[in-house]
């Protein structure tokens, strides 16, 4: 009996030591792998893709990474933050490791879509209302001016900020830019984007057209209606001139003969004849059922 108990005890002890041995072996292997990563996987090659405004050297310098740094101990979040802060035209960035020694920077750059003036300085904005650059009017060529907002503490590399009473308009401006970009219509924005009204946003579109959206409307829907309206005008041979007003009840769109421009009153352009106002978003077409005829007296 005693011998049997001793054999059972020895088996239990071997089981305990076996588990500890396996655990210790695993830790030693893990430590060896970690030490190998620290010793051997060091940055030797840095590749920058997607850049055009900044050189690879500028992007790498802004990241703070040095040749010989360890690939696995780099703080990628800090590197991304430094690049976005120091290089304002970088809109998005990913940093990836490629073993054994390569770091890849994938850059998406911003393009200016509008500008705003404050105390004699022109500030270029991207679609997120991030300030890309500051200068004189020479940097604003071909871009619409944002009116009706007053920048506060404008700083290159940061988003535009305004007083609290204008915050809703700024939020709506960002949503407007996003919707316009989604329809690939950004390049047609011209002259001005006016937010001085409390219930409308007015903007130049093309050479001779002003478009009016409801300020708090659904811009995805509004840009869709705008696209339909422009297609309808082109199909019917109506010139893209005047004021295309989409801020009507019942989702009606009216083409007014006179073009609204900044500095005018918030009233609709004067009309001499009701027939000059035309609904263009959904042209009404009189359809006759097949086989029937219509008689006009």
C-alpha atoms as a PDB file:
ATOM      1  CA  UNK A   1       0.000   0.000   0.000  1.00  0.00           C
ATOM      2  CA  UNK A   2       2.758   2.424   0.932  1.00  0.00           C
ATOM      3  CA  UNK A   3       4.659   1.627  -2.262  1.00  0.00           C
ATOM      4  CA  UNK A   4       1.561   2.259  -4.318  1.00  0.00           C
ATOM      5  CA  UNK A   5       1.054   5.646  -2.645  1.00  0.00           C
ATOM      6  CA  UNK A   6       4.689   6.553  -3.282  1.00  0.00           C
ATOM      7  CA  UNK A   7       4.375   5.713  -6.998  1.00  0.00           C
ATOM      8  CA  UNK A   8       1.233   7.886  -7.257  1.00  0.00           C
ATOM      9  CA  UNK A   9       3.028  10.737  -5.482  1.00  0.00           C
ATOM     10  CA  UNK A  10       5.988  10.511  -7.859  1.00  0.00           C
ATOM     11  CA  UNK A  11       3.631  10.652 -10.872  1.00  0.00           C
ATOM     12  CA  UNK A  12       1.915  13.774  -9.485  1.00  0.00           C
ATOM     13  CA  UNK A  13       5.267  15.452  -8.908  1.00  0.00           C
ATOM     14  CA  UNK A  14       6.410  14.606 -12.421  1.00  0.00           C
ATOM     15  CA  UNK A  15       3.142  16.113 -13.751  1.00  0.00           C
ATOM     16  CA  UNK A  16       3.735  19.334 -11.824  1.00  0.00           C
ATOM     17  CA  UNK A  17       7.351  19.610 -12.955  1.00  0.00           C
ATOM     18  CA  UNK A  18       6.321  18.790 -16.540  1.00  0.00           C
ATOM     19  CA  UNK A  19       3.879  21.693 -16.582  1.00  0.00           C
ATOM     20  CA  UNK A  20       6.467  24.085 -15.124  1.00  0.00           C
ATOM     21  CA  UNK A  21       9.032  22.846 -17.653  1.00  0.00           C
ATOM     22  CA  UNK A  22       6.664  23.525 -20.567  1.00  0.00           C
ATOM     23  CA  UNK A  23       5.783  26.975 -19.223  1.00  0.00           C
ATOM     24  CA  UNK A  24       9.443  27.863 -18.727  1.00  0.00           C
ATOM     25  CA  UNK A  25      10.304  26.610 -22.219  1.00  0.00           C
ATOM     26  CA  UNK A  26       7.538  28.702 -23.732  1.00  0.00           C
ATOM     27  CA  UNK A  27       8.729  31.820 -21.913  1.00  0.00           C
ATOM     28  CA  UNK A  28      12.328  31.221 -23.011  1.00  0.00           C
ATOM     29  CA  UNK A  29      11.250  30.796 -26.652  1.00  0.00           C
ATOM     30  CA  UNK A  30       9.097  33.928 -26.496  1.00  0.00           C
ATOM     31  CA  UNK A  31      11.938  35.914 -24.969  1.00  0.00           C
ATOM     32  CA  UNK A  32      14.302  34.663 -27.676  1.00  0.00           C
ATOM     33  CA  UNK A  33      11.886  35.721 -30.406  1.00  0.00           C
ATOM     34  CA  UNK A  34      11.409  39.130 -28.790  1.00  0.00           C
ATOM     35  CA  UNK A  35      15.156  39.601 -28.460  1.00  0.00           C
ATOM     36  CA  UNK A  36      15.589  38.627 -32.112  1.00  0.00           C
ATOM     37  CA  UNK A  37      13.012  41.193 -33.171  1.00  0.00           C
ATOM     38  CA  UNK A  38      14.737  43.904 -31.157  1.00  0.00           C
ATOM     39  CA  UNK A  39      18.202  43.012 -32.393  1.00  0.00           C
ATOM     40  CA  UNK A  40      17.609  42.126 -36.033  1.00  0.00           C
ATOM     41  CA  UNK A  41      14.455  43.888 -37.379  1.00  0.00           C
ATOM     42  CA  UNK A  42      15.682  47.440 -37.785  1.00  0.00           C
ATOM     43  CA  UNK A  43      14.597  50.124 -40.239  1.00  0.00           C
ATOM     44  CA  UNK A  44      16.831  50.117 -43.269  1.00  0.00           C
ATOM     45  CA  UNK A  45      14.457  51.142 -46.095  1.00  0.00           C
ATOM     46  CA  UNK A  46      11.625  53.719 -46.015  1.00  0.00           C
ATOM     47  CA  UNK A  47       9.184  53.947 -48.912  1.00  0.00           C
ATOM     48  CA  UNK A  48       6.655  56.795 -49.412  1.00  0.00           C
ATOM     49  CA  UNK A  49       3.674  56.251 -51.734  1.00  0.00           C
ATOM     50  CA  UNK A  50       0.843  58.559 -52.856  1.00  0.00           C
ATOM     51  CA  UNK A  51       2.697  61.824 -52.250  1.00  0.00           C
ATOM     52  CA  UNK A  52       2.949  64.681 -54.726  1.00  0.00           C
ATOM     53  CA  UNK A  53       3.075  67.936 -52.753  1.00  0.00           C
ATOM     54  CA  UNK A  54       5.676  66.785 -50.237  1.00  0.00           C
ATOM     55  CA  UNK A  55       8.923  64.957 -50.960  1.00  0.00           C
ATOM     56  CA  UNK A  56       9.606  61.558 -49.372  1.00  0.00           C
ATOM     57  CA  UNK A  57      12.344  63.218 -47.325  1.00  0.00           C
ATOM     58  CA  UNK A  58       9.893  65.765 -45.886  1.00  0.00           C
ATOM     59  CA  UNK A  59       7.396  63.070 -44.899  1.00  0.00           C
ATOM     60  CA  UNK A  60      10.051  60.833 -43.317  1.00  0.00           C
ATOM     61  CA  UNK A  61      11.557  63.791 -41.427  1.00  0.00           C
ATOM     62  CA  UNK A  62       8.111  64.787 -40.102  1.00  0.00           C
ATOM     63  CA  UNK A  63       7.542  61.240 -38.828  1.00  0.00           C
ATOM     64  CA  UNK A  64      10.608  61.396 -36.601  1.00  0.00           C
ATOM     65  CA  UNK A  65      11.755  57.880 -37.561  1.00  0.00           C
ATOM     66  CA  UNK A  66      15.468  57.268 -38.055  1.00  0.00           C
ATOM     67  CA  UNK A  67      17.286  54.620 -40.038  1.00  0.00           C
ATOM     68  CA  UNK A  68      18.280  51.882 -37.599  1.00  0.00           C
ATOM     69  CA  UNK A  69      15.202  52.287 -35.372  1.00  0.00           C
ATOM     70  CA  UNK A  70      13.543  49.035 -34.439  1.00  0.00           C
ATOM     71  CA  UNK A  71      10.526  48.159 -36.573  1.00  0.00           C
ATOM     72  CA  UNK A  72       8.554  46.718 -33.669  1.00  0.00           C
ATOM     73  CA  UNK A  73       9.142  49.413 -31.078  1.00  0.00           C
ATOM     74  CA  UNK A  74       8.089  52.345 -33.283  1.00  0.00           C
ATOM     75  CA  UNK A  75       5.016  54.254 -32.090  1.00  0.00           C
ATOM     76  CA  UNK A  76       3.029  54.442 -35.327  1.00  0.00           C
ATOM     77  CA  UNK A  77       0.249  56.500 -33.754  1.00  0.00           C
ATOM     78  CA  UNK A  78       2.702  59.183 -32.692  1.00  0.00           C
ATOM     79  CA  UNK A  79       4.342  59.167 -36.129  1.00  0.00           C
ATOM     80  CA  UNK A  80       0.989  59.646 -37.890  1.00  0.00           C
ATOM     81  CA  UNK A  81       0.042  62.483 -35.522  1.00  0.00           C
ATOM     82  CA  UNK A  82       3.351  64.271 -36.128  1.00  0.00           C
ATOM     83  CA  UNK A  83       3.041  64.052 -39.911  1.00  0.00           C
ATOM     84  CA  UNK A  84      -0.581  65.274 -39.936  1.00  0.00           C
ATOM     85  CA  UNK A  85       0.350  68.229 -37.709  1.00  0.00           C
ATOM     86  CA  UNK A  86       3.541  69.254 -39.482  1.00  0.00           C
ATOM     87  CA  UNK A  87       2.364  68.663 -43.066  1.00  0.00           C
ATOM     88  CA  UNK A  88      -1.154  70.102 -43.402  1.00  0.00           C
ATOM     89  CA  UNK A  89      -1.727  68.881 -46.962  1.00  0.00           C
ATOM     90  CA  UNK A  90      -1.572  65.263 -45.728  1.00  0.00           C
ATOM     91  CA  UNK A  91      -5.209  64.226 -45.341  1.00  0.00           C
ATOM     92  CA  UNK A  92      -4.765  60.590 -44.324  1.00  0.00           C
ATOM     93  CA  UNK A  93      -1.845  58.292 -43.684  1.00  0.00           C
ATOM     94  CA  UNK A  94      -1.084  54.640 -42.973  1.00  0.00           C
ATOM     95  CA  UNK A  95       2.280  53.224 -41.914  1.00  0.00           C
ATOM     96  CA  UNK A  96       3.035  49.552 -42.472  1.00  0.00           C
ATOM     97  CA  UNK A  97       5.978  47.290 -41.689  1.00  0.00           C
ATOM     98  CA  UNK A  98       7.435  44.958 -44.312  1.00  0.00           C
ATOM     99  CA  UNK A  99       9.871  42.472 -42.885  1.00  0.00           C
ATOM    100  CA  UNK A 100      12.718  42.321 -42.467  1.00  0.00           C
ATOM    101  CA  UNK A 101      13.656  46.035 -42.610  1.00  0.00           C
ATOM    102  CA  UNK A 102      11.168  48.194 -44.552  1.00  0.00           C
ATOM    103  CA  UNK A 103       8.707  50.870 -43.450  1.00  0.00           C
ATOM    104  CA  UNK A 104       6.017  51.954 -45.935  1.00  0.00           C
ATOM    105  CA  UNK A 105       4.194  55.306 -45.697  1.00  0.00           C
ATOM    106  CA  UNK A 106       0.927  55.379 -47.692  1.00  0.00           C
ATOM    107  CA  UNK A 107      -0.130  59.021 -48.072  1.00  0.00           C
ATOM    108  CA  UNK A 108      -3.452  60.555 -49.130  1.00  0.00           C
ATOM    109  CA  UNK A 109      -3.135  64.283 -49.766  1.00  0.00           C
ATOM    110  CA  UNK A 110      -5.731  67.020 -49.405  1.00  0.00           C
ATOM    111  CA  UNK A 111      -6.745  69.437 -52.126  1.00  0.00           C
ATOM    112  CA  UNK A 112      -8.130  72.909 -51.384  1.00  0.00           C
ATOM    113  CA  UNK A 113     -11.834  73.306 -52.199  1.00  0.00           C
ATOM    114  CA  UNK A 114     -12.491  76.855 -50.929  1.00  0.00           C
ATOM    115  CA  UNK A 115     -10.986  79.765 -49.034  1.00  0.00           C
ATOM    116  CA  UNK A 116     -11.993  82.185 -46.309  1.00  0.00           C
ATOM    117  CA  UNK A 117     -10.611  85.625 -45.495  1.00  0.00           C
ATOM    118  CA  UNK A 118      -9.822  86.977 -42.044  1.00  0.00           C
ATOM    119  CA  UNK A 119      -7.991  90.216 -41.214  1.00  0.00           C
ATOM    120  CA  UNK A 120      -6.416  90.417 -44.636  1.00  0.00           C
ATOM    121  CA  UNK A 121      -5.212  86.801 -44.724  1.00  0.00           C
ATOM    122  CA  UNK A 122      -6.639  84.171 -47.064  1.00  0.00           C
ATOM    123  CA  UNK A 123      -6.927  80.673 -45.607  1.00  0.00           C
ATOM    124  CA  UNK A 124      -7.282  77.642 -47.895  1.00  0.00           C
ATOM    125  CA  UNK A 125      -9.724  74.946 -46.736  1.00  0.00           C
ATOM    126  CA  UNK A 126     -10.096  71.289 -47.641  1.00  0.00           C
ATOM    127  CA  UNK A 127     -13.365  69.311 -47.637  1.00  0.00           C
ATOM    128  CA  UNK A 128     -13.113  68.826 -43.862  1.00  0.00           C
ATOM    129  CA  UNK A 129     -12.551  72.564 -43.318  1.00  0.00           C
ATOM    130  CA  UNK A 130      -8.947  71.901 -42.334  1.00  0.00           C
ATOM    131  CA  UNK A 131      -6.742  74.933 -42.980  1.00  0.00           C
ATOM    132  CA  UNK A 132      -4.105  73.961 -45.516  1.00  0.00           C
ATOM    133  CA  UNK A 133      -2.297  77.210 -46.203  1.00  0.00           C
ATOM    134  CA  UNK A 134      -2.330  80.933 -45.481  1.00  0.00           C
ATOM    135  CA  UNK A 135      -1.366  83.755 -47.809  1.00  0.00           C
ATOM    136  CA  UNK A 136      -2.611  86.514 -50.048  1.00  0.00           C
ATOM    137  CA  UNK A 137      -5.197  86.336 -52.833  1.00  0.00           C
ATOM    138  CA  UNK A 138      -2.687  84.735 -55.210  1.00  0.00           C
ATOM    139  CA  UNK A 139      -3.260  81.330 -53.559  1.00  0.00           C
ATOM    140  CA  UNK A 140      -7.052  81.443 -54.040  1.00  0.00           C
ATOM    141  CA  UNK A 141      -7.251  81.401 -57.836  1.00  0.00           C
ATOM    142  CA  UNK A 142     -10.187  79.385 -59.139  1.00  0.00           C
ATOM    143  CA  UNK A 143     -11.595  78.611 -55.674  1.00  0.00           C
ATOM    144  CA  UNK A 144     -14.878  79.873 -54.158  1.00  0.00           C
ATOM    145  CA  UNK A 145     -14.774  82.173 -51.140  1.00  0.00           C
ATOM    146  CA  UNK A 146     -16.683  81.138 -48.020  1.00  0.00           C
ATOM    147  CA  UNK A 147     -18.817  84.054 -46.802  1.00  0.00           C
ATOM    148  CA  UNK A 148     -20.879  84.399 -43.639  1.00  0.00           C
ATOM    149  CA  UNK A 149     -18.372  82.807 -41.238  1.00  0.00           C
ATOM    150  CA  UNK A 150     -15.722  84.521 -39.111  1.00  0.00           C
ATOM    151  CA  UNK A 151     -12.600  82.444 -38.379  1.00  0.00           C
ATOM    152  CA  UNK A 152     -11.402  82.331 -34.773  1.00  0.00           C
ATOM    153  CA  UNK A 153      -7.737  81.587 -33.972  1.00  0.00           C
ATOM    154  CA  UNK A 154      -7.103  80.285 -37.492  1.00  0.00           C
ATOM    155  CA  UNK A 155      -3.982  78.105 -37.646  1.00  0.00           C
ATOM    156  CA  UNK A 156      -2.535  76.169 -40.564  1.00  0.00           C
ATOM    157  CA  UNK A 157      -2.907  72.431 -39.948  1.00  0.00           C
ATOM    158  CA  UNK A 158      -5.962  72.776 -37.704  1.00  0.00           C
ATOM    159  CA  UNK A 159      -9.641  72.765 -38.578  1.00  0.00           C
ATOM    160  CA  UNK A 160     -11.439  76.055 -39.014  1.00  0.00           C
ATOM    161  CA  UNK A 161     -13.051  77.277 -35.795  1.00  0.00           C
ATOM    162  CA  UNK A 162     -15.769  79.907 -35.392  1.00  0.00           C
ATOM    163  CA  UNK A 163     -17.811  81.480 -32.620  1.00  0.00           C
ATOM    164  CA  UNK A 164     -20.485  79.246 -31.026  1.00  0.00           C
ATOM    165  CA  UNK A 165     -23.341  81.069 -32.757  1.00  0.00           C
ATOM    166  CA  UNK A 166     -21.838  80.122 -36.142  1.00  0.00           C
ATOM    167  CA  UNK A 167     -21.009  76.507 -35.292  1.00  0.00           C
ATOM    168  CA  UNK A 168     -24.113  75.061 -36.951  1.00  0.00           C
ATOM    169  CA  UNK A 169     -23.259  76.809 -40.201  1.00  0.00           C
ATOM    170  CA  UNK A 170     -19.702  75.457 -40.069  1.00  0.00           C
ATOM    171  CA  UNK A 171     -21.021  71.935 -39.460  1.00  0.00           C
ATOM    172  CA  UNK A 172     -23.384  72.322 -42.400  1.00  0.00           C
ATOM    173  CA  UNK A 173     -20.531  73.578 -44.586  1.00  0.00           C
ATOM    174  CA  UNK A 174     -18.543  70.396 -43.894  1.00  0.00           C
ATOM    175  CA  UNK A 175     -21.580  68.261 -44.738  1.00  0.00           C
ATOM    176  CA  UNK A 176     -22.092  70.294 -47.905  1.00  0.00           C
ATOM    177  CA  UNK A 177     -18.503  69.700 -49.023  1.00  0.00           C
ATOM    178  CA  UNK A 178     -18.838  65.972 -48.345  1.00  0.00           C
ATOM    179  CA  UNK A 179     -22.060  65.675 -50.361  1.00  0.00           C
ATOM    180  CA  UNK A 180     -20.717  67.730 -53.267  1.00  0.00           C
ATOM    181  CA  UNK A 181     -17.545  65.611 -53.356  1.00  0.00           C
ATOM    182  CA  UNK A 182     -19.650  62.442 -53.291  1.00  0.00           C
ATOM    183  CA  UNK A 183     -21.379  63.573 -56.509  1.00  0.00           C
ATOM    184  CA  UNK A 184     -18.030  64.578 -58.049  1.00  0.00           C
ATOM    185  CA  UNK A 185     -19.230  68.169 -58.379  1.00  0.00           C
ATOM    186  CA  UNK A 186     -16.546  69.947 -56.341  1.00  0.00           C
ATOM    187  CA  UNK A 187     -14.730  71.228 -59.412  1.00  0.00           C
ATOM    188  CA  UNK A 188     -17.835  73.150 -60.517  1.00  0.00           C
ATOM    189  CA  UNK A 189     -18.003  75.282 -57.350  1.00  0.00           C
ATOM    190  CA  UNK A 190     -17.096  78.853 -58.278  1.00  0.00           C
ATOM    191  CA  UNK A 191     -16.964  82.393 -56.918  1.00  0.00           C
ATOM    192  CA  UNK A 192     -18.627  82.037 -53.511  1.00  0.00           C
ATOM    193  CA  UNK A 193     -20.289  79.845 -50.904  1.00  0.00           C
ATOM    194  CA  UNK A 194     -22.504  82.172 -48.903  1.00  0.00           C
ATOM    195  CA  UNK A 195     -23.758  81.228 -45.425  1.00  0.00           C
ATOM    196  CA  UNK A 196     -24.911  84.686 -44.371  1.00  0.00           C
ATOM    197  CA  UNK A 197     -28.581  83.624 -44.467  1.00  0.00           C
ATOM    198  CA  UNK A 198     -30.118  81.837 -41.498  1.00  0.00           C
ATOM    199  CA  UNK A 199     -31.979  79.307 -43.649  1.00  0.00           C
ATOM    200  CA  UNK A 200     -30.134  79.025 -46.953  1.00  0.00           C
ATOM    201  CA  UNK A 201     -26.726  78.254 -48.388  1.00  0.00           C
ATOM    202  CA  UNK A 202     -26.007  79.910 -51.735  1.00  0.00           C
ATOM    203  CA  UNK A 203     -23.101  79.044 -53.991  1.00  0.00           C
ATOM    204  CA  UNK A 204     -21.760  79.694 -57.450  1.00  0.00           C
ATOM    205  CA  UNK A 205     -21.904  76.746 -59.816  1.00  0.00           C
ATOM    206  CA  UNK A 206     -20.203  76.981 -63.169  1.00  0.00           C
ATOM    207  CA  UNK A 207     -19.720  80.338 -64.850  1.00  0.00           C
ATOM    208  CA  UNK A 208     -23.154  81.942 -64.594  1.00  0.00           C
ATOM    209  CA  UNK A 209     -25.351  80.002 -62.169  1.00  0.00           C
ATOM    210  CA  UNK A 210     -26.154  80.479 -58.486  1.00  0.00           C
ATOM    211  CA  UNK A 211     -27.680  77.542 -56.607  1.00  0.00           C
ATOM    212  CA  UNK A 212     -29.653  77.812 -53.372  1.00  0.00           C
ATOM    213  CA  UNK A 213     -30.012  74.920 -50.907  1.00  0.00           C
ATOM    214  CA  UNK A 214     -31.905  74.947 -47.607  1.00  0.00           C
ATOM    215  CA  UNK A 215     -29.284  75.409 -44.908  1.00  0.00           C
ATOM    216  CA  UNK A 216     -30.510  72.501 -42.800  1.00  0.00           C
ATOM    217  CA  UNK A 217     -31.525  70.254 -45.670  1.00  0.00           C
ATOM    218  CA  UNK A 218     -30.350  66.766 -46.562  1.00  0.00           C
ATOM    219  CA  UNK A 219     -27.370  67.580 -48.765  1.00  0.00           C
ATOM    220  CA  UNK A 220     -27.174  64.099 -50.233  1.00  0.00           C
ATOM    221  CA  UNK A 221     -30.717  64.593 -51.508  1.00  0.00           C
ATOM    222  CA  UNK A 222     -30.135  68.225 -52.474  1.00  0.00           C
ATOM    223  CA  UNK A 223     -27.081  67.393 -54.586  1.00  0.00           C
ATOM    224  CA  UNK A 224     -29.045  64.575 -56.238  1.00  0.00           C
ATOM    225  CA  UNK A 225     -31.844  67.022 -57.102  1.00  0.00           C
ATOM    226  CA  UNK A 226     -29.280  69.519 -58.368  1.00  0.00           C
ATOM    227  CA  UNK A 227     -27.783  66.944 -60.685  1.00  0.00           C
ATOM    228  CA  UNK A 228     -31.240  66.060 -62.032  1.00  0.00           C
ATOM    229  CA  UNK A 229     -32.077  69.723 -62.505  1.00  0.00           C
ATOM    230  CA  UNK A 230     -28.896  70.392 -64.467  1.00  0.00           C
ATOM    231  CA  UNK A 231     -29.475  67.332 -66.662  1.00  0.00           C
ATOM    232  CA  UNK A 232     -33.036  68.504 -67.320  1.00  0.00           C
ATOM    233  CA  UNK A 233     -31.844  71.996 -68.247  1.00  0.00           C
ATOM    234  CA  UNK A 234     -29.288  70.564 -70.663  1.00  0.00           C
ATOM    235  CA  UNK A 235     -31.837  68.236 -72.257  1.00  0.00           C
ATOM    236  CA  UNK A 236     -34.272  71.103 -72.785  1.00  0.00           C
ATOM    237  CA  UNK A 237     -31.630  73.508 -74.043  1.00  0.00           C
ATOM    238  CA  UNK A 238     -31.984  75.852 -71.069  1.00  0.00           C
ATOM    239  CA  UNK A 239     -28.747  77.805 -70.417  1.00  0.00           C
ATOM    240  CA  UNK A 240     -27.116  77.347 -67.029  1.00  0.00           C
ATOM    241  CA  UNK A 241     -27.654  80.949 -66.034  1.00  0.00           C
ATOM    242  CA  UNK A 242     -29.681  82.696 -63.347  1.00  0.00           C
ATOM    243  CA  UNK A 243     -30.571  81.298 -59.921  1.00  0.00           C
ATOM    244  CA  UNK A 244     -31.540  77.678 -59.348  1.00  0.00           C
ATOM    245  CA  UNK A 245     -33.504  77.799 -56.107  1.00  0.00           C
ATOM    246  CA  UNK A 246     -34.149  74.492 -54.332  1.00  0.00           C
ATOM    247  CA  UNK A 247     -35.363  76.031 -51.084  1.00  0.00           C
ATOM    248  CA  UNK A 248     -39.065  75.673 -51.862  1.00  0.00           C
ATOM    249  CA  UNK A 249     -41.749  73.662 -50.123  1.00  0.00           C
ATOM    250  CA  UNK A 250     -42.698  70.402 -51.743  1.00  0.00           C
ATOM    251  CA  UNK A 251     -39.127  69.824 -53.004  1.00  0.00           C
ATOM    252  CA  UNK A 252     -39.720  72.085 -55.986  1.00  0.00           C
ATOM    253  CA  UNK A 253     -36.815  73.591 -57.873  1.00  0.00           C
ATOM    254  CA  UNK A 254     -37.242  76.939 -59.610  1.00  0.00           C
ATOM    255  CA  UNK A 255     -34.972  78.544 -62.174  1.00  0.00           C
ATOM    256  CA  UNK A 256     -35.052  82.315 -61.754  1.00  0.00           C
ATOM    257  CA  UNK A 257     -33.825  84.460 -64.654  1.00  0.00           C
ATOM    258  CA  UNK A 258     -31.688  86.839 -62.589  1.00  0.00           C
ATOM    259  CA  UNK A 259     -28.589  85.584 -60.856  1.00  0.00           C
ATOM    260  CA  UNK A 260     -28.303  86.170 -57.129  1.00  0.00           C
ATOM    261  CA  UNK A 261     -24.870  87.390 -56.099  1.00  0.00           C
ATOM    262  CA  UNK A 262     -23.382  88.249 -52.684  1.00  0.00           C
ATOM    263  CA  UNK A 263     -24.300  91.726 -51.553  1.00  0.00           C
ATOM    264  CA  UNK A 264     -27.861  91.475 -52.817  1.00  0.00           C
ATOM    265  CA  UNK A 265     -30.817  91.186 -50.475  1.00  0.00           C
ATOM    266  CA  UNK A 266     -32.065  87.797 -49.342  1.00  0.00           C
ATOM    267  CA  UNK A 267     -35.194  88.311 -51.399  1.00  0.00           C
ATOM    268  CA  UNK A 268     -35.708  86.283 -54.555  1.00  0.00           C
ATOM    269  CA  UNK A 269     -34.442  87.973 -57.717  1.00  0.00           C
ATOM    270  CA  UNK A 270     -37.059  90.312 -59.108  1.00  0.00           C
ATOM    271  CA  UNK A 271     -39.313  88.893 -61.794  1.00  0.00           C
ATOM    272  CA  UNK A 272     -41.341  90.777 -64.326  1.00  0.00           C
ATOM    273  CA  UNK A 273     -43.504  87.863 -65.371  1.00  0.00           C
ATOM    274  CA  UNK A 274     -44.585  84.724 -63.530  1.00  0.00           C
ATOM    275  CA  UNK A 275     -43.892  82.764 -66.691  1.00  0.00           C
ATOM    276  CA  UNK A 276     -40.179  83.468 -66.229  1.00  0.00           C
ATOM    277  CA  UNK A 277     -40.063  81.145 -63.234  1.00  0.00           C
ATOM    278  CA  UNK A 278     -39.615  77.586 -64.354  1.00  0.00           C
ATOM    279  CA  UNK A 279     -39.551  74.266 -62.516  1.00  0.00           C
ATOM    280  CA  UNK A 280     -36.588  72.290 -63.831  1.00  0.00           C
ATOM    281  CA  UNK A 281     -35.874  69.448 -61.422  1.00  0.00           C
ATOM    282  CA  UNK A 282     -38.650  67.198 -62.717  1.00  0.00           C
ATOM    283  CA  UNK A 283     -39.996  68.425 -66.054  1.00  0.00           C
ATOM    284  CA  UNK A 284     -43.683  67.693 -66.431  1.00  0.00           C
ATOM    285  CA  UNK A 285     -44.354  65.732 -69.588  1.00  0.00           C
ATOM    286  CA  UNK A 286     -47.906  65.188 -70.741  1.00  0.00           C
ATOM    287  CA  UNK A 287     -48.276  61.501 -71.527  1.00  0.00           C
ATOM    288  CA  UNK A 288     -51.168  60.001 -73.485  1.00  0.00           C
ATOM    289  CA  UNK A 289     -52.072  56.307 -72.986  1.00  0.00           C
ATOM    290  CA  UNK A 290     -51.162  54.251 -76.015  1.00  0.00           C
ATOM    291  CA  UNK A 291     -53.996  54.110 -78.550  1.00  0.00           C
ATOM    292  CA  UNK A 292     -55.691  57.278 -77.309  1.00  0.00           C
ATOM    293  CA  UNK A 293     -55.646  60.687 -78.900  1.00  0.00           C
ATOM    294  CA  UNK A 294     -55.940  64.093 -77.343  1.00  0.00           C
ATOM    295  CA  UNK A 295     -57.993  66.847 -78.973  1.00  0.00           C
ATOM    296  CA  UNK A 296     -57.282  70.469 -78.327  1.00  0.00           C
ATOM    297  CA  UNK A 297     -59.834  73.086 -79.113  1.00  0.00           C
END
